[in-house]
Amino acid sequence: MFSKVKQLFTKRKNKSKNGYQITESVSIKDLTGKRIVLEIKKNGNNTMLLIRDKDDTSAIFTLDPEIALLLNVLLQSYSLHEVFPDLDEEKGE
């Protein structure tokens, strides 16, 4: 009897199905007027960056911090020089 009453009053945490919680979110419009949403999700020590369409709940891209850093370098090179850097290792001359 006591266990049934305890189940009624036990606090339950609202977790997403994979356990990650959104900590920050920002949205921007692209040139076509489509809303792009960037979300940071965390679960303990794990963090991921989700890039998705505002109207679609599924992620288009899911990036860990290392891949997000690489994307940052590529985008910075594009914004400054309108080219991507050569990611191949230096070639011996």
C-alpha atoms as a PDB file:
ATOM      1  CA  MET A   1       0.000   0.000   0.000  1.00  0.00           C
ATOM      2  CA  PHE A   2       2.749   2.443   0.980  1.00  0.00           C
ATOM      3  CA  SER A   3       4.712   1.725  -2.222  1.00  0.00           C
ATOM      4  CA  LYS A   4       1.666   2.584  -4.370  1.00  0.00           C
ATOM      5  CA  VAL A   5       1.197   5.904  -2.567  1.00  0.00           C
ATOM      6  CA  LYS A   6       4.915   6.644  -2.845  1.00  0.00           C
ATOM      7  CA  GLN A   7       4.770   6.062  -6.630  1.00  0.00           C
ATOM      8  CA  LEU A   8       2.059   8.696  -6.918  1.00  0.00           C
ATOM      9  CA  PHE A   9       4.185  11.350  -5.224  1.00  0.00           C
ATOM     10  CA  THR A  10       7.637  10.480  -6.549  1.00  0.00           C
ATOM     11  CA  LYS A  11       9.208  13.335  -8.474  1.00  0.00           C
ATOM     12  CA  ARG A  12      10.039  12.520 -12.048  1.00  0.00           C
ATOM     13  CA  LYS A  13      12.509  14.507 -14.074  1.00  0.00           C
ATOM     14  CA  ASN A  14      11.425  15.604 -17.520  1.00  0.00           C
ATOM     15  CA  LYS A  15      14.102  14.311 -19.820  1.00  0.00           C
ATOM     16  CA  SER A  16      14.186  14.169 -23.561  1.00  0.00           C
ATOM     17  CA  LYS A  17      14.250  10.692 -25.017  1.00  0.00           C
ATOM     18  CA  ASN A  18      18.041  10.692 -25.348  1.00  0.00           C
ATOM     19  CA  GLY A  19      18.764  12.459 -22.047  1.00  0.00           C
ATOM     20  CA  TYR A  20      20.184  15.663 -23.542  1.00  0.00           C
ATOM     21  CA  GLN A  21      18.816  19.003 -22.335  1.00  0.00           C
ATOM     22  CA  ILE A  22      18.859  22.186 -24.432  1.00  0.00           C
ATOM     23  CA  THR A  23      21.025  24.751 -22.646  1.00  0.00           C
ATOM     24  CA  GLU A  24      21.122  27.487 -25.288  1.00  0.00           C
ATOM     25  CA  SER A  25      19.389  28.204 -28.570  1.00  0.00           C
ATOM     26  CA  VAL A  26      19.662  30.881 -31.255  1.00  0.00           C
ATOM     27  CA  SER A  27      18.030  31.251 -34.657  1.00  0.00           C
ATOM     28  CA  ILE A  28      19.025  33.148 -37.786  1.00  0.00           C
ATOM     29  CA  LYS A  29      17.544  33.653 -41.252  1.00  0.00           C
ATOM     30  CA  ASP A  30      19.425  32.548 -44.334  1.00  0.00           C
ATOM     31  CA  LEU A  31      19.296  34.350 -47.696  1.00  0.00           C
ATOM     32  CA  THR A  32      16.121  32.508 -48.702  1.00  0.00           C
ATOM     33  CA  GLY A  33      14.303  33.595 -45.527  1.00  0.00           C
ATOM     34  CA  LYS A  34      14.383  30.146 -43.925  1.00  0.00           C
ATOM     35  CA  ARG A  35      14.967  30.072 -40.160  1.00  0.00           C
ATOM     36  CA  ILE A  36      18.020  28.104 -39.037  1.00  0.00           C
ATOM     37  CA  VAL A  37      18.173  27.075 -35.375  1.00  0.00           C
ATOM     38  CA  LEU A  38      21.441  26.403 -33.531  1.00  0.00           C
ATOM     39  CA  GLU A  39      21.054  24.560 -30.221  1.00  0.00           C
ATOM     40  CA  ILE A  40      23.573  23.475 -27.611  1.00  0.00           C
ATOM     41  CA  LYS A  41      22.526  20.300 -25.826  1.00  0.00           C
ATOM     42  CA  LYS A  42      24.282  18.848 -22.794  1.00  0.00           C
ATOM     43  CA  ASN A  43      24.158  15.579 -20.900  1.00  0.00           C
ATOM     44  CA  GLY A  44      26.691  15.522 -18.097  1.00  0.00           C
ATOM     45  CA  ASN A  45      30.104  15.959 -19.704  1.00  0.00           C
ATOM     46  CA  ASN A  46      28.851  15.407 -23.252  1.00  0.00           C
ATOM     47  CA  THR A  47      27.941  18.442 -25.345  1.00  0.00           C
ATOM     48  CA  MET A  48      26.673  18.646 -28.901  1.00  0.00           C
ATOM     49  CA  LEU A  49      25.706  21.385 -31.331  1.00  0.00           C
ATOM     50  CA  LEU A  50      22.545  20.819 -33.363  1.00  0.00           C
ATOM     51  CA  ILE A  51      21.836  22.734 -36.556  1.00  0.00           C
ATOM     52  CA  ARG A  52      18.287  22.367 -37.819  1.00  0.00           C
ATOM     53  CA  ASP A  53      15.429  23.992 -39.693  1.00  0.00           C
ATOM     54  CA  LYS A  54      12.995  25.818 -37.380  1.00  0.00           C
ATOM     55  CA  ASP A  55      10.001  23.971 -38.853  1.00  0.00           C
ATOM     56  CA  ASP A  56      11.661  20.543 -38.614  1.00  0.00           C
ATOM     57  CA  THR A  57      12.308  19.062 -35.177  1.00  0.00           C
ATOM     58  CA  SER A  58      14.984  16.600 -36.345  1.00  0.00           C
ATOM     59  CA  ALA A  59      18.586  17.778 -36.519  1.00  0.00           C
ATOM     60  CA  ILE A  60      20.150  18.385 -39.908  1.00  0.00           C
ATOM     61  CA  PHE A  61      23.642  18.329 -38.390  1.00  0.00           C
ATOM     62  CA  THR A  62      24.826  17.086 -35.006  1.00  0.00           C
ATOM     63  CA  LEU A  63      28.350  18.197 -34.146  1.00  0.00           C
ATOM     64  CA  ASP A  64      30.639  17.488 -31.215  1.00  0.00           C
ATOM     65  CA  PRO A  65      32.952  20.294 -29.973  1.00  0.00           C
ATOM     66  CA  GLU A  66      35.904  19.164 -32.138  1.00  0.00           C
ATOM     67  CA  ILE A  67      33.893  19.134 -35.372  1.00  0.00           C
ATOM     68  CA  ALA A  68      32.284  22.473 -34.406  1.00  0.00           C
ATOM     69  CA  LEU A  69      35.800  23.925 -34.044  1.00  0.00           C
ATOM     70  CA  LEU A  70      36.719  22.654 -37.516  1.00  0.00           C
ATOM     71  CA  LEU A  71      33.509  24.169 -38.904  1.00  0.00           C
ATOM     72  CA  ASN A  72      34.454  27.452 -37.206  1.00  0.00           C
ATOM     73  CA  VAL A  73      37.851  27.482 -38.964  1.00  0.00           C
ATOM     74  CA  LEU A  74      36.239  26.751 -42.322  1.00  0.00           C
ATOM     75  CA  LEU A  75      33.593  29.448 -41.909  1.00  0.00           C
ATOM     76  CA  GLN A  76      36.134  31.995 -40.698  1.00  0.00           C
ATOM     77  CA  SER A  77      38.318  31.329 -43.729  1.00  0.00           C
ATOM     78  CA  TYR A  78      35.286  31.685 -45.990  1.00  0.00           C
ATOM     79  CA  SER A  79      34.199  34.983 -44.389  1.00  0.00           C
ATOM     80  CA  LEU A  80      37.713  36.495 -44.577  1.00  0.00           C
ATOM     81  CA  HIS A  81      39.025  35.131 -47.892  1.00  0.00           C
ATOM     82  CA  GLU A  82      36.034  33.453 -49.583  1.00  0.00           C
ATOM     83  CA  VAL A  83      37.986  30.180 -49.849  1.00  0.00           C
ATOM     84  CA  PHE A  84      38.441  27.116 -47.655  1.00  0.00           C
ATOM     85  CA  PRO A  85      41.881  26.314 -46.258  1.00  0.00           C
ATOM     86  CA  ASP A  86      43.699  23.238 -47.487  1.00  0.00           C
ATOM     87  CA  LEU A  87      43.068  20.611 -44.808  1.00  0.00           C
ATOM     88  CA  ASP A  88      45.545  18.127 -46.252  1.00  0.00           C
ATOM     89  CA  GLU A  89      48.811  17.802 -44.407  1.00  0.00           C
ATOM     90  CA  GLU A  90      51.636  19.943 -45.705  1.00  0.00           C
ATOM     91  CA  LYS A  91      53.144  18.481 -48.802  1.00  0.00           C
ATOM     92  CA  GLY A  92      56.917  18.160 -48.896  1.00  0.00           C
ATOM     93  CA  GLU A  93      58.503  20.257 -51.597  1.00  0.00           C
END
